[in-house]
Protein backbone atom coordinates (compact mmCIF):
# COMPACT_ATOMS: atom_id res chain seq x y z
CA MET A 1 3.11 -32.66 -120.32
CA LYS A 2 5.86 -35.25 -119.99
CA LEU A 3 9.19 -33.89 -118.86
CA GLU A 4 11.12 -36.11 -121.27
CA LYS A 5 9.44 -34.25 -124.15
CA LEU A 6 10.13 -30.77 -122.72
CA VAL A 7 12.44 -28.82 -125.04
CA GLY A 8 15.32 -27.16 -123.23
CA ASP A 9 18.21 -28.37 -121.09
CA ARG A 10 18.70 -27.89 -117.36
CA PHE A 11 22.11 -27.27 -115.78
CA ARG A 12 23.49 -27.76 -112.30
CA GLU A 13 26.15 -25.04 -112.46
CA ARG A 14 25.43 -21.32 -112.39
CA PRO A 15 26.42 -19.59 -115.66
CA SER A 16 29.36 -17.26 -115.07
CA ASP A 17 27.85 -14.38 -117.06
CA CYS A 18 24.62 -14.17 -115.04
CA ILE A 19 24.93 -11.38 -112.46
CA VAL A 20 21.49 -11.74 -110.84
CA ASP A 21 19.79 -14.84 -109.46
CA SER A 22 16.67 -14.71 -111.66
CA HIS A 23 18.78 -14.70 -114.84
CA ALA A 24 20.93 -17.59 -113.63
CA ILE A 25 17.91 -19.60 -112.53
CA MET A 26 16.08 -19.11 -115.81
CA VAL A 27 19.11 -20.16 -117.82
CA ARG A 28 19.76 -23.18 -115.60
CA GLY A 29 16.10 -24.19 -115.57
CA GLY A 30 15.57 -24.11 -119.34
CA TYR A 31 13.38 -21.01 -119.35
CA LEU A 32 15.18 -18.82 -121.85
CA LYS A 33 18.05 -18.75 -124.31
CA PHE A 34 20.33 -15.88 -125.27
CA VAL A 35 19.96 -14.69 -128.88
CA ALA A 36 21.69 -11.30 -128.87
CA ASN A 37 22.48 -8.61 -126.33
CA GLY A 38 19.17 -7.90 -124.60
CA ILE A 39 17.24 -10.35 -126.80
CA PHE A 40 16.08 -13.82 -125.71
CA SER A 41 13.99 -16.73 -126.88
CA SER A 42 11.56 -18.28 -124.37
CA TYR A 43 11.15 -21.99 -123.78
CA MET A 44 7.78 -23.47 -122.83
CA PRO A 45 8.00 -23.04 -119.03
CA LEU A 46 8.58 -19.29 -119.29
CA LYS A 47 5.89 -18.94 -121.95
CA ARG A 48 3.39 -20.62 -119.61
CA VAL A 49 4.38 -18.22 -116.80
CA THR A 50 4.03 -15.11 -118.96
CA ARG A 51 0.75 -16.35 -120.42
CA LYS A 52 -0.72 -16.55 -116.92
CA ILE A 53 0.63 -13.12 -116.03
CA GLU A 54 -0.96 -11.74 -119.21
CA GLN A 55 -4.31 -13.32 -118.31
CA ILE A 56 -4.28 -11.74 -114.86
CA ILE A 57 -3.46 -8.38 -116.45
CA ARG A 58 -6.30 -8.79 -118.97
CA GLU A 59 -8.80 -9.61 -116.23
CA GLU A 60 -7.85 -6.53 -114.22
CA MET A 61 -7.81 -4.22 -117.25
CA ASP A 62 -11.20 -5.55 -118.39
CA ALA A 63 -12.54 -4.96 -114.87
CA ILE A 64 -11.83 -1.22 -115.20
CA ASP A 65 -13.54 -1.03 -118.61
CA GLY A 66 -10.44 -1.54 -120.73
CA GLN A 67 -10.82 -2.70 -124.32
CA GLU A 68 -8.05 -4.85 -125.76
CA VAL A 69 -6.68 -3.76 -129.12
CA GLN A 70 -3.45 -4.35 -131.00
CA PHE A 71 -1.19 -1.67 -132.40
CA PRO A 72 1.47 -2.34 -135.05
CA VAL A 73 5.09 -2.97 -134.11
CA VAL A 74 6.21 -1.03 -137.21
CA MET A 75 4.89 2.52 -137.55
CA PRO A 76 5.42 5.27 -140.11
CA ALA A 77 7.75 8.01 -138.92
CA SER A 78 5.02 10.55 -139.72
CA LEU A 79 3.11 9.58 -136.54
CA TRP A 80 6.13 10.30 -134.39
CA GLN A 81 6.86 13.49 -136.32
CA GLU A 82 3.34 14.66 -135.46
CA SER A 83 4.05 14.27 -131.73
CA GLY A 84 7.56 15.69 -132.01
CA ARG A 85 9.20 12.60 -130.56
CA TYR A 86 10.78 11.44 -133.82
CA GLU A 87 13.42 14.12 -133.33
CA SER A 88 13.52 14.29 -129.55
CA ILE A 89 14.11 10.59 -128.81
CA GLY A 90 17.67 9.45 -129.26
CA LYS A 91 19.27 6.16 -130.33
CA GLU A 92 16.88 4.08 -128.19
CA MET A 93 14.37 4.22 -131.06
CA VAL A 94 15.15 2.18 -134.17
CA ARG A 95 14.55 4.11 -137.39
CA PHE A 96 14.66 2.57 -140.86
CA ARG A 97 13.33 2.97 -144.39
CA ASP A 98 11.26 0.49 -146.33
CA ARG A 99 11.99 -0.55 -149.91
CA SER A 100 10.29 2.56 -151.26
CA GLY A 101 12.40 4.84 -149.08
CA SER A 102 9.63 5.81 -146.64
CA PRO A 103 10.82 6.29 -143.03
CA PHE A 104 9.51 3.95 -140.33
CA VAL A 105 10.20 3.20 -136.66
CA LEU A 106 10.01 0.14 -134.43
CA GLY A 107 7.50 0.74 -131.66
CA MET A 108 9.13 1.32 -128.27
CA THR A 109 5.87 2.72 -126.87
CA HIS A 110 2.50 3.41 -128.50
CA GLU A 111 1.06 6.78 -127.46
CA GLU A 112 1.12 7.98 -131.05
CA ALA A 113 -0.55 4.82 -132.34
CA ALA A 114 -3.25 5.08 -129.67
CA VAL A 115 -4.12 8.64 -130.67
CA GLN A 116 -4.11 7.68 -134.34
CA LEU A 117 -6.48 4.79 -133.60
CA VAL A 118 -9.20 6.81 -131.85
CA ARG A 119 -8.95 10.44 -132.98
CA GLU A 120 -11.72 10.10 -135.56
CA TYR A 121 -13.84 8.06 -133.14
CA GLY A 122 -13.51 10.50 -130.24
CA GLN A 123 -14.91 13.65 -131.88
CA SER A 124 -17.83 14.07 -129.46
CA TYR A 125 -17.79 14.40 -125.68
CA LEU A 126 -20.49 11.71 -125.61
CA LYS A 127 -17.86 9.08 -126.47
CA TYR A 128 -15.74 9.73 -123.36
CA PRO A 129 -14.17 8.39 -121.21
CA PHE A 130 -12.67 5.21 -122.65
CA MET A 131 -9.49 3.13 -122.33
CA VAL A 132 -7.76 0.83 -124.84
CA TYR A 133 -4.90 -1.52 -124.04
CA GLN A 134 -2.68 -4.06 -125.77
CA ILE A 135 -0.12 -6.73 -124.90
CA GLN A 136 2.48 -6.38 -127.59
CA THR A 137 6.13 -6.82 -128.55
CA LYS A 138 8.25 -3.68 -128.40
CA PHE A 139 11.86 -2.85 -129.16
CA ARG A 140 13.99 -0.28 -127.35
CA ASP A 141 17.68 -0.17 -128.18
CA GLU A 142 18.89 0.08 -124.59
CA ALA A 143 22.50 1.16 -124.23
CA ARG A 144 23.14 -1.27 -121.36
CA PRO A 145 20.90 -4.35 -121.33
CA ARG A 146 21.50 -6.30 -118.12
CA ALA A 147 20.31 -8.98 -115.74
CA GLY A 148 18.49 -11.26 -118.17
CA LEU A 149 14.88 -10.16 -118.51
CA ILE A 150 15.25 -7.28 -116.02
CA ARG A 151 16.51 -4.91 -118.74
CA VAL A 152 16.24 -6.03 -122.34
CA ARG A 153 15.90 -4.51 -125.81
CA GLU A 154 13.03 -6.63 -127.14
CA PHE A 155 10.19 -7.16 -124.69
CA THR A 156 6.47 -7.83 -124.30
CA MET A 157 4.51 -5.10 -122.58
CA LYS A 158 0.99 -4.30 -121.59
CA ASP A 159 0.36 -0.64 -122.34
CA ALA A 160 -2.97 1.09 -121.85
CA TYR A 161 -4.17 4.54 -122.86
CA SER A 162 -7.19 6.33 -121.41
CA PHE A 163 -8.94 9.38 -122.84
CA HIS A 164 -10.94 11.93 -120.83
CA THR A 165 -12.72 15.26 -121.14
CA SER A 166 -11.32 16.71 -117.92
CA GLN A 167 -8.35 16.47 -115.57
CA ALA A 168 -10.71 15.49 -112.75
CA ASP A 169 -12.03 12.55 -114.76
CA LEU A 170 -8.45 11.47 -115.58
CA GLU A 171 -7.50 11.63 -111.90
CA GLU A 172 -10.48 9.48 -110.92
CA TYR A 173 -9.58 6.87 -113.54
CA TYR A 174 -5.88 7.09 -112.66
CA ALA A 175 -6.78 6.08 -109.10
CA ARG A 176 -8.82 3.12 -110.41
CA CYS A 177 -5.87 1.98 -112.51
CA HIS A 178 -3.51 2.41 -109.55
CA SER A 179 -5.74 0.05 -107.54
CA ALA A 180 -5.89 -2.40 -110.44
CA TYR A 181 -2.11 -2.48 -110.55
CA GLU A 182 -1.96 -3.25 -106.83
CA ARG A 183 -4.33 -6.18 -107.43
CA ILE A 184 -2.20 -7.42 -110.34
CA TYR A 185 0.97 -7.51 -108.25
CA SER A 186 -0.81 -9.21 -105.38
CA ARG A 187 -2.32 -11.84 -107.67
CA VAL A 188 0.98 -12.71 -109.36
CA GLY A 189 2.66 -13.16 -105.98
CA LEU A 190 4.31 -9.77 -105.37
CA PRO A 191 2.12 -8.04 -102.77
CA GLU A 192 5.25 -6.29 -101.47
CA VAL A 193 5.48 -4.05 -104.57
CA ILE A 194 5.22 -0.39 -103.58
CA SER A 195 4.06 2.66 -105.52
CA ILE A 196 6.37 5.68 -105.67
CA ALA A 197 6.25 9.13 -107.23
CA SER A 198 8.45 9.27 -110.32
CA ASP A 199 9.72 11.39 -113.16
CA SER A 200 7.70 11.23 -116.39
CA GLY A 201 10.78 11.38 -118.63
CA MET A 202 10.18 11.15 -122.37
CA MET A 203 6.53 10.14 -121.78
CA GLY A 204 5.57 13.67 -120.74
CA GLY A 205 2.93 14.77 -118.26
CA ASN A 206 3.22 16.14 -114.75
CA ILE A 207 2.16 13.25 -112.51
CA SER A 208 3.46 9.69 -112.68
CA HIS A 209 4.07 6.70 -110.43
CA GLU A 210 6.34 3.70 -110.65
CA PHE A 211 5.65 0.35 -109.01
CA MET A 212 8.80 -0.98 -107.42
CA LEU A 213 9.90 -4.34 -106.06
CA LEU A 214 12.46 -3.51 -103.39
CA THR A 215 15.55 -5.66 -103.90
CA PRO A 216 19.31 -5.08 -103.63
CA ILE A 217 19.78 -6.01 -107.31
CA GLY A 218 17.44 -3.24 -108.52
CA GLU A 219 18.95 -0.50 -110.67
CA ASP A 220 16.61 2.26 -109.47
CA SER A 221 17.26 4.19 -106.25
CA ILE A 222 14.21 4.97 -104.14
CA ALA A 223 13.86 7.55 -101.39
CA ILE A 224 11.67 6.21 -98.57
CA CYS A 225 10.71 8.06 -95.40
CA LYS A 226 10.84 6.04 -92.18
CA GLU A 227 8.40 8.39 -90.45
CA CYS A 228 5.59 8.76 -93.02
CA ASP A 229 4.36 7.21 -96.27
CA TYR A 230 6.55 9.30 -98.59
CA ARG A 231 8.19 7.27 -101.36
CA ALA A 232 9.75 8.57 -104.57
CA ASN A 233 12.27 7.66 -107.20
CA MET A 234 15.49 9.55 -106.56
CA GLU A 235 15.09 11.16 -109.97
CA ALA A 236 11.86 12.82 -108.81
CA ALA A 237 12.51 13.24 -105.07
CA GLU A 238 12.77 16.84 -103.94
CA SER A 239 16.02 17.66 -102.11
CA ILE A 240 15.31 19.89 -99.15
CA ILE A 241 18.25 21.72 -97.60
CA HIS A 242 18.11 23.84 -94.45
CA ASN A 243 21.01 26.20 -94.91
CA GLN A 244 22.68 27.80 -91.89
CA ARG A 245 24.50 31.04 -92.46
CA ASP A 246 27.47 32.07 -90.31
CA ASP A 247 26.96 35.18 -88.20
CA VAL A 248 30.01 36.89 -89.71
CA SER A 249 31.14 36.79 -93.35
CA ASP A 250 34.85 36.58 -94.02
CA ALA A 251 36.45 38.62 -96.76
CA LEU A 252 36.69 37.03 -100.20
CA THR A 253 40.33 35.84 -100.35
CA LEU A 254 42.33 34.40 -103.24
CA VAL A 255 44.31 31.33 -102.16
CA HIS A 256 47.02 29.50 -104.11
CA THR A 257 46.03 25.82 -104.44
CA PRO A 258 48.73 24.10 -106.55
CA ASN A 259 47.93 20.76 -108.18
CA ILE A 260 44.49 20.74 -106.56
CA HIS A 261 41.47 19.86 -108.71
CA THR A 262 38.76 17.75 -107.01
CA ILE A 263 36.46 19.02 -104.28
CA GLU A 264 37.96 16.45 -101.88
CA GLU A 265 41.47 17.72 -102.56
CA VAL A 266 40.41 21.37 -102.21
CA CYS A 267 38.68 20.82 -98.88
CA GLY A 268 41.56 18.76 -97.58
CA PHE A 269 44.07 21.43 -98.57
CA LEU A 270 41.96 24.25 -97.06
CA HIS A 271 41.00 22.20 -93.97
CA CYS A 272 37.29 22.75 -94.45
CA ASP A 273 34.17 20.57 -94.71
CA GLU A 274 32.71 19.79 -98.14
CA LYS A 275 29.45 21.32 -96.89
CA THR A 276 31.24 24.68 -96.87
CA SER A 277 32.35 24.43 -100.50
CA CYS A 278 30.77 25.53 -103.78
CA LYS A 279 31.31 22.91 -106.47
CA ALA A 280 31.01 23.44 -110.23
CA VAL A 281 29.64 20.67 -112.49
CA ALA A 282 29.80 21.31 -116.24
CA TYR A 283 27.61 19.88 -119.03
CA GLN A 284 27.04 20.49 -122.73
CA ARG A 285 23.84 20.63 -124.72
CA ASN A 286 23.56 17.68 -127.08
CA SER A 287 22.30 19.73 -130.00
CA ASP A 288 25.11 22.30 -130.23
CA ASP A 289 27.60 21.55 -127.38
CA ARG A 290 26.84 24.84 -125.60
CA TYR A 291 28.16 24.73 -122.01
CA ILE A 292 26.01 24.63 -118.89
CA VAL A 293 27.74 25.28 -115.55
CA LEU A 294 25.87 24.26 -112.41
CA PHE A 295 27.04 25.31 -108.95
CA ILE A 296 26.05 23.10 -106.03
CA ARG A 297 27.17 22.51 -102.46
CA GLY A 298 30.29 20.36 -102.46
CA ASP A 299 28.88 17.38 -100.56
CA LEU A 300 25.88 16.92 -102.90
CA GLU A 301 25.44 15.24 -106.29
CA VAL A 302 23.60 16.62 -109.29
CA ASN A 303 20.30 14.99 -110.22
CA GLU A 304 20.65 15.07 -114.00
CA THR A 305 16.98 14.25 -114.55
CA LYS A 306 15.95 17.38 -112.66
CA LEU A 307 18.50 19.39 -114.60
CA THR A 308 17.33 18.07 -117.97
CA ASN A 309 13.69 18.71 -117.09
CA TYR A 310 14.50 22.29 -116.09
CA LEU A 311 16.53 22.97 -119.22
CA GLY A 312 14.08 21.28 -121.58
CA TYR A 313 16.78 19.61 -123.67
CA GLU A 314 19.23 16.72 -123.53
CA ILE A 315 22.73 17.21 -122.12
CA HIS A 316 25.96 15.27 -121.60
CA PRO A 317 28.99 15.72 -119.30
CA ALA A 318 31.20 18.49 -120.60
CA VAL A 319 34.46 18.00 -122.43
CA ILE A 320 36.45 21.01 -121.29
CA THR A 321 38.94 22.29 -123.85
CA GLU A 322 41.54 25.02 -123.57
CA GLU A 323 39.62 27.41 -125.81
CA CYS A 324 36.17 26.96 -124.20
CA GLY A 325 36.79 29.53 -121.43
CA LEU A 326 36.40 27.12 -118.52
CA ASN A 327 39.32 26.26 -116.27
CA ALA A 328 38.86 22.62 -115.26
CA GLY A 329 39.21 22.11 -111.51
CA PHE A 330 39.06 25.84 -110.78
CA ILE A 331 35.61 26.90 -112.02
CA GLY A 332 33.78 29.30 -109.71
CA PRO A 333 30.92 31.81 -109.79
CA ILE A 334 33.19 34.90 -109.41
CA ASN A 335 34.47 36.44 -112.69
CA LEU A 336 33.13 33.55 -114.78
CA LYS A 337 33.32 34.91 -118.32
CA GLY A 338 31.89 33.21 -121.38
CA ASP A 339 28.66 32.37 -123.16
CA PHE A 340 27.53 29.81 -120.62
CA THR A 341 24.21 28.87 -119.08
CA VAL A 342 24.91 29.32 -115.36
CA LEU A 343 22.67 27.69 -112.75
CA PHE A 344 22.66 27.48 -108.96
CA ASP A 345 21.31 24.73 -106.75
CA ARG A 346 19.31 25.94 -103.77
CA SER A 347 21.73 24.15 -101.43
CA LEU A 348 23.89 27.30 -101.84
CA GLU A 349 21.19 29.87 -101.18
CA GLY A 350 22.09 32.22 -98.33
CA LEU A 351 25.36 30.50 -97.47
CA ASN A 352 28.55 32.33 -96.68
CA ASN A 353 32.19 31.53 -95.92
CA LEU A 354 32.40 29.02 -98.75
CA CYS A 355 35.42 28.01 -100.82
CA CYS A 356 35.12 27.89 -104.60
CA GLY A 357 37.16 27.95 -107.78
CA ALA A 358 38.64 31.31 -108.83
CA ASN A 359 38.54 30.69 -112.64
CA VAL A 360 42.33 30.97 -112.56
CA SER A 361 44.62 27.96 -112.70
CA GLU A 362 45.78 26.76 -109.27
CA TYR A 363 43.69 29.31 -107.33
CA HIS A 364 40.56 29.13 -105.22
CA TYR A 365 38.60 31.64 -103.19
CA THR A 366 37.68 31.39 -99.55
CA GLY A 367 35.09 33.58 -97.84
CA LEU A 368 32.51 33.36 -100.65
CA ASP A 369 29.20 34.93 -99.58
CA MET A 370 26.47 33.98 -102.05
CA ALA A 371 24.24 36.95 -101.22
CA ARG A 372 27.13 39.44 -101.26
CA ASP A 373 29.32 38.09 -104.07
CA VAL A 374 26.83 36.47 -106.46
CA GLU A 375 24.05 39.00 -106.67
CA GLY A 376 20.94 38.12 -108.64
CA ALA A 377 21.51 34.37 -108.59
CA GLU A 378 18.36 32.25 -108.95
CA TYR A 379 18.24 28.99 -107.04
CA HIS A 380 16.49 25.78 -108.06
CA ASP A 381 16.40 22.17 -106.92
CA PHE A 382 19.02 20.24 -108.92
CA ALA A 383 20.40 17.95 -106.17
CA LYS A 384 19.92 14.26 -105.46
CA ILE A 385 18.16 13.56 -102.19
CA GLN A 386 20.54 11.95 -99.66
CA GLU A 387 20.41 9.19 -97.06
CA GLY A 388 19.27 10.88 -93.88
CA GLY A 389 17.89 13.81 -95.87
CA ILE A 390 14.79 15.80 -95.03
CA CYS A 391 11.49 14.23 -96.08
CA PRO A 392 9.55 16.54 -98.44
CA HIS A 393 6.31 15.27 -96.90
CA CYS A 394 6.76 15.28 -93.12
CA GLY A 395 9.85 17.48 -92.87
CA LYS A 396 11.84 15.05 -90.72
CA PRO A 397 15.46 14.00 -91.47
CA SER A 398 14.35 10.42 -92.02
CA ILE A 399 15.02 9.53 -95.67
CA THR A 400 16.51 6.12 -96.45
CA ILE A 401 17.71 5.09 -99.91
CA SER A 402 16.73 1.63 -101.17
CA ARG A 403 17.16 -0.20 -104.47
CA GLY A 404 14.30 -1.54 -106.55
CA ILE A 405 13.17 -3.04 -109.86
CA GLU A 406 10.51 -1.07 -111.69
CA VAL A 407 7.69 -3.52 -112.52
CA GLY A 408 5.17 -1.01 -113.85
CA ASN A 409 4.41 2.66 -114.34
CA ILE A 410 1.44 4.96 -114.83
CA PHE A 411 1.40 8.53 -116.16
CA GLN A 412 -1.01 11.43 -116.34
CA LEU A 413 -0.07 12.65 -119.79
CA GLY A 414 -2.45 15.59 -120.08
CA THR A 415 -2.86 16.89 -123.65
CA LYS A 416 0.76 16.40 -124.76
CA TYR A 417 -0.13 13.93 -127.50
CA THR A 418 -3.71 14.91 -128.35
CA GLU A 419 -2.70 18.52 -128.87
CA SER A 420 0.45 17.81 -130.90
CA MET A 421 -1.46 15.27 -133.04
CA ASN A 422 -4.55 17.45 -133.35
CA MET A 423 -7.05 15.08 -131.72
CA THR A 424 -10.08 17.15 -130.73
CA TYR A 425 -13.68 16.71 -129.61
CA ILE A 426 -16.71 18.99 -129.38
CA ASP A 427 -17.83 19.51 -125.77
CA ASN A 428 -21.42 19.98 -124.56
CA ASN A 429 -21.14 23.71 -125.18
CA GLY A 430 -20.08 23.24 -128.78
CA GLU A 431 -16.47 24.20 -128.11
CA THR A 432 -13.46 22.36 -129.53
CA LYS A 433 -11.25 20.77 -126.86
CA TYR A 434 -8.28 18.42 -126.63
CA PRO A 435 -8.85 15.14 -124.73
CA VAL A 436 -6.77 14.48 -121.62
CA MET A 437 -4.77 11.22 -121.65
CA GLY A 438 -3.41 8.70 -119.18
CA CYS A 439 -0.89 5.93 -119.90
CA TYR A 440 -0.34 2.68 -117.96
CA GLY A 441 2.43 0.11 -118.61
CA ILE A 442 3.63 -3.26 -117.31
CA GLY A 443 6.56 -5.23 -118.76
CA VAL A 444 5.47 -8.87 -118.76
CA GLY A 445 8.93 -10.48 -119.03
CA ARG A 446 10.43 -8.17 -116.42
CA LEU A 447 7.53 -8.97 -114.09
CA ALA A 448 8.18 -12.71 -114.54
CA ALA A 449 11.87 -12.21 -113.76
CA SER A 450 11.00 -10.08 -110.73
CA ILE A 451 8.71 -12.81 -109.38
CA CYS A 452 11.57 -15.25 -109.78
CA GLU A 453 13.93 -12.80 -108.07
CA ALA A 454 11.60 -12.51 -105.10
CA HIS A 455 10.68 -16.22 -104.92
CA HIS A 456 13.65 -18.57 -105.22
CA ASP A 457 16.19 -20.48 -103.21
CA GLU A 458 19.63 -21.82 -104.06
CA TYR A 459 18.05 -24.70 -105.98
CA GLY A 460 15.73 -22.81 -108.33
CA PRO A 461 12.52 -20.76 -108.58
CA ILE A 462 9.56 -21.13 -106.24
CA TRP A 463 6.72 -19.99 -108.45
CA PRO A 464 3.51 -18.71 -106.83
CA LEU A 465 0.61 -20.97 -107.76
CA ALA A 466 -1.17 -18.29 -109.82
CA VAL A 467 1.67 -17.98 -112.35
CA ALA A 468 3.51 -21.32 -112.04
CA PRO A 469 4.11 -23.10 -115.35
CA TRP A 470 2.34 -26.15 -113.92
CA GLN A 471 0.51 -26.72 -110.65
CA VAL A 472 1.82 -30.20 -109.88
CA HIS A 473 5.13 -31.95 -110.66
CA LEU A 474 4.51 -35.71 -110.66
CA CYS A 475 7.69 -37.72 -110.05
CA ALA A 476 7.70 -41.45 -110.82
CA VAL A 477 10.82 -42.54 -108.94
CA ARG A 478 12.08 -45.84 -110.41
CA SER A 479 9.72 -45.81 -113.40
CA ASP A 480 11.28 -49.14 -114.41
CA ASP A 481 9.20 -50.62 -111.59
CA VAL A 482 5.95 -51.80 -113.19
CA LYS A 483 3.77 -50.94 -110.18
CA VAL A 484 5.23 -47.43 -109.97
CA LYS A 485 4.82 -46.76 -113.67
CA THR A 486 1.32 -48.18 -113.85
CA TYR A 487 0.05 -46.15 -110.89
CA ALA A 488 1.84 -42.94 -111.86
CA ASP A 489 0.45 -43.14 -115.41
CA LYS A 490 -3.06 -43.60 -114.02
CA LEU A 491 -2.68 -40.69 -111.56
CA TYR A 492 -1.33 -38.47 -114.32
CA GLU A 493 -4.36 -39.17 -116.50
CA GLU A 494 -6.78 -38.67 -113.60
CA LEU A 495 -5.27 -35.33 -112.54
CA GLN A 496 -5.24 -34.04 -116.11
CA GLY A 497 -8.83 -35.19 -116.56
CA ARG A 498 -9.84 -33.14 -113.52
CA GLY A 499 -8.22 -29.97 -114.82
CA VAL A 500 -4.92 -30.06 -112.94
CA GLU A 501 -1.86 -28.77 -114.80
CA VAL A 502 0.74 -31.52 -114.45
CA ILE A 503 4.34 -31.92 -115.57
CA TYR A 504 5.08 -35.63 -115.39
CA ASP A 505 8.60 -37.00 -114.95
CA ASP A 506 8.74 -40.75 -115.72
CA ARG A 507 12.32 -40.75 -117.00
CA LYS A 508 14.61 -43.56 -115.99
CA VAL A 509 16.99 -41.34 -114.04
CA ARG A 510 18.25 -41.27 -110.45
CA ALA A 511 15.96 -39.71 -107.84
CA GLY A 512 18.55 -37.00 -107.20
CA VAL A 513 18.52 -35.91 -110.84
CA MET A 514 14.73 -36.01 -110.90
CA PHE A 515 14.37 -33.86 -107.78
CA SER A 516 17.08 -31.46 -108.90
CA ASP A 517 15.22 -30.87 -112.18
CA ALA A 518 11.97 -30.45 -110.26
CA ASP A 519 13.61 -27.74 -108.14
CA LEU A 520 14.83 -25.92 -111.26
CA ILE A 521 11.35 -25.99 -112.79
CA GLY A 522 9.89 -24.70 -109.51
CA VAL A 523 6.31 -26.06 -109.64
CA PRO A 524 4.48 -25.32 -106.34
CA PHE A 525 3.56 -28.94 -105.43
CA ARG A 526 5.41 -32.19 -106.01
CA VAL A 527 3.73 -35.60 -105.96
CA ILE A 528 6.13 -38.51 -105.50
CA VAL A 529 5.38 -42.09 -106.46
CA SER A 530 8.11 -44.59 -105.51
CA PRO A 531 8.48 -48.33 -104.80
CA ARG A 532 8.61 -47.66 -101.05
CA ASN A 533 5.49 -45.50 -101.20
CA ILE A 534 3.66 -48.14 -103.28
CA GLU A 535 4.50 -50.75 -100.62
CA GLN A 536 2.94 -48.47 -97.97
CA ASN A 537 -0.08 -47.63 -100.19
CA ILE A 538 0.71 -43.91 -100.09
CA ILE A 539 2.00 -41.09 -102.23
CA GLU A 540 3.98 -38.09 -100.94
CA ILE A 541 2.87 -34.52 -101.56
CA VAL A 542 5.42 -31.80 -100.77
CA SER A 543 5.54 -28.09 -101.53
CA ARG A 544 8.40 -26.58 -103.49
CA ASP A 545 9.13 -24.09 -100.68
CA LYS A 546 9.55 -27.00 -98.21
CA SER A 547 6.86 -25.56 -95.91
CA PHE A 548 4.39 -28.39 -96.45
CA SER A 549 4.57 -32.18 -96.60
CA THR A 550 1.92 -34.85 -96.29
CA ASN A 551 1.06 -38.39 -97.33
CA ALA A 552 -2.16 -39.49 -99.02
CA SER A 553 -3.49 -42.94 -99.71
CA MET A 554 -3.15 -44.16 -103.26
CA GLN A 555 -6.92 -44.49 -103.54
CA THR A 556 -7.62 -40.86 -102.62
CA ALA A 557 -4.46 -39.23 -104.01
CA ALA A 558 -6.20 -37.23 -106.74
CA GLU A 559 -8.80 -35.94 -104.29
CA GLU A 560 -6.09 -34.87 -101.85
CA VAL A 561 -4.15 -33.04 -104.55
CA LEU A 562 -7.29 -31.18 -105.59
CA ARG A 563 -8.01 -30.25 -101.97
CA ILE A 564 -4.47 -28.93 -101.45
CA LEU A 565 -4.66 -26.86 -104.62
CA SER A 566 -8.04 -25.48 -103.60
CA ASP A 567 -6.73 -24.54 -100.15
CA ALA A 568 -3.66 -22.88 -101.69
CA LYS A 569 -5.83 -20.81 -104.03
CA ALA A 570 -8.12 -19.77 -101.19
CA SER A 571 -5.14 -18.80 -99.04
CA ALA A 572 -3.66 -16.71 -101.85
CA ALA A 573 -7.02 -14.95 -102.33
CA LEU A 574 -7.19 -14.09 -98.61
CA THR A 575 -3.81 -12.35 -98.74
CA ARG A 576 -4.91 -10.02 -101.55
């Protein structure tokens, strides 16, 4: 490929609207172009990167007995009505009607389509287990697309679905897929990706893992234990609190707290620590606006994913009106009257001598004893785990909170979809059973952006050899020099003839412009032909990451390039 024919412009300046490096680099380097919020077109370099990522994914899925299929992007609403998700999923899913008035959806995930594909096939236990996968375009109407390809609305994804006759068989295959994912990330140049326990969300199931690239620009928070191998998304991480009760309980006392509303103001006014306060957080159910009041220790935050999972329905922060029966800023568990769902976080269990709202304007209580004053309360885990919190695995106060980009996820779905969509098989005893499912996803574009995020410098991307758009960037410096042009053309043809992927720059531009563009394209190895090199009968070979530089004679240049590429591939294989 000649660079002068490459569609797409390259820019020296960073675009002002790009908040993360990978987005800025891809725009500057001519990798993608904005179409609409969360929707992009890909130029050739990015397409070559994602094609290589897809091939690695295919190889690893095929190695664990996956069969590639293709599901439709557009599906009838009836499939999603069978599973129950047509009603339960919100605005993220695009719904529309065709010209005849029939309801359809744009695929944001394909569990329903997978079940529909194989439910007639899988009627006997003799057909199990099996896994099907696709690499397909999806659309999810994200409320807040951000960071280029990190969070988009239209995206390409590999999603796989396995079917089993037992939970034990699913767990065995789940482990195989987990290992395959680790190999995928290592092969594409992200061996540092970690696996963490996660919340299954709208996918369903009880066990799931996310694969995270730790980076400050990530939008997910991850709880990691410094003392053991515990790692979990904050949404799924258990918050363990060791409560200490005072030896003596004070009397419950009503205190006038004028113009005091927030927990910080209350504790400052009463000269107490937030850990000795009982805070109320109010929500409303999406379906009918019924109020939910959650009481939690004042220094902690509510984990809304845990709360939603417990309730079994979607919620939103409450809008407190005068007639609703709640007194904003003064809500407490004593004398709370109204048709509310009232919940208690276990951070309050057994505590005494707390301050709390009195359900009367401008008044709080001190001396609250949960066991004495709130009899019959049930306590559950609704809190976010904190920095320095207690590890659920080893029990030590050694939790750190890091940021990460989710680059893949796997779920044990159980029978959520097969049961709701009536997919059954006859087991070896002649009994009718529901197959057990697993689901395994990787966003291809997000993975490409994550590789760029992990491998770049101030000048552009540094693509790992396995996914680089080309392997070699051939620069003919001063292509107006006949000797330079003649030799560079010959080397270009020889390298291509021997299977090397080459981007060839023979434009009549300054060396600085040529090298700047080469940095923005980010090919692993650069071969430089120049008048000075021709005079010395050599060519220069340098790596994009500046870690390697050598000269080769003009007569053996192609052989040396092939040797360097072979060594680089072997080195990458050894690190896997």
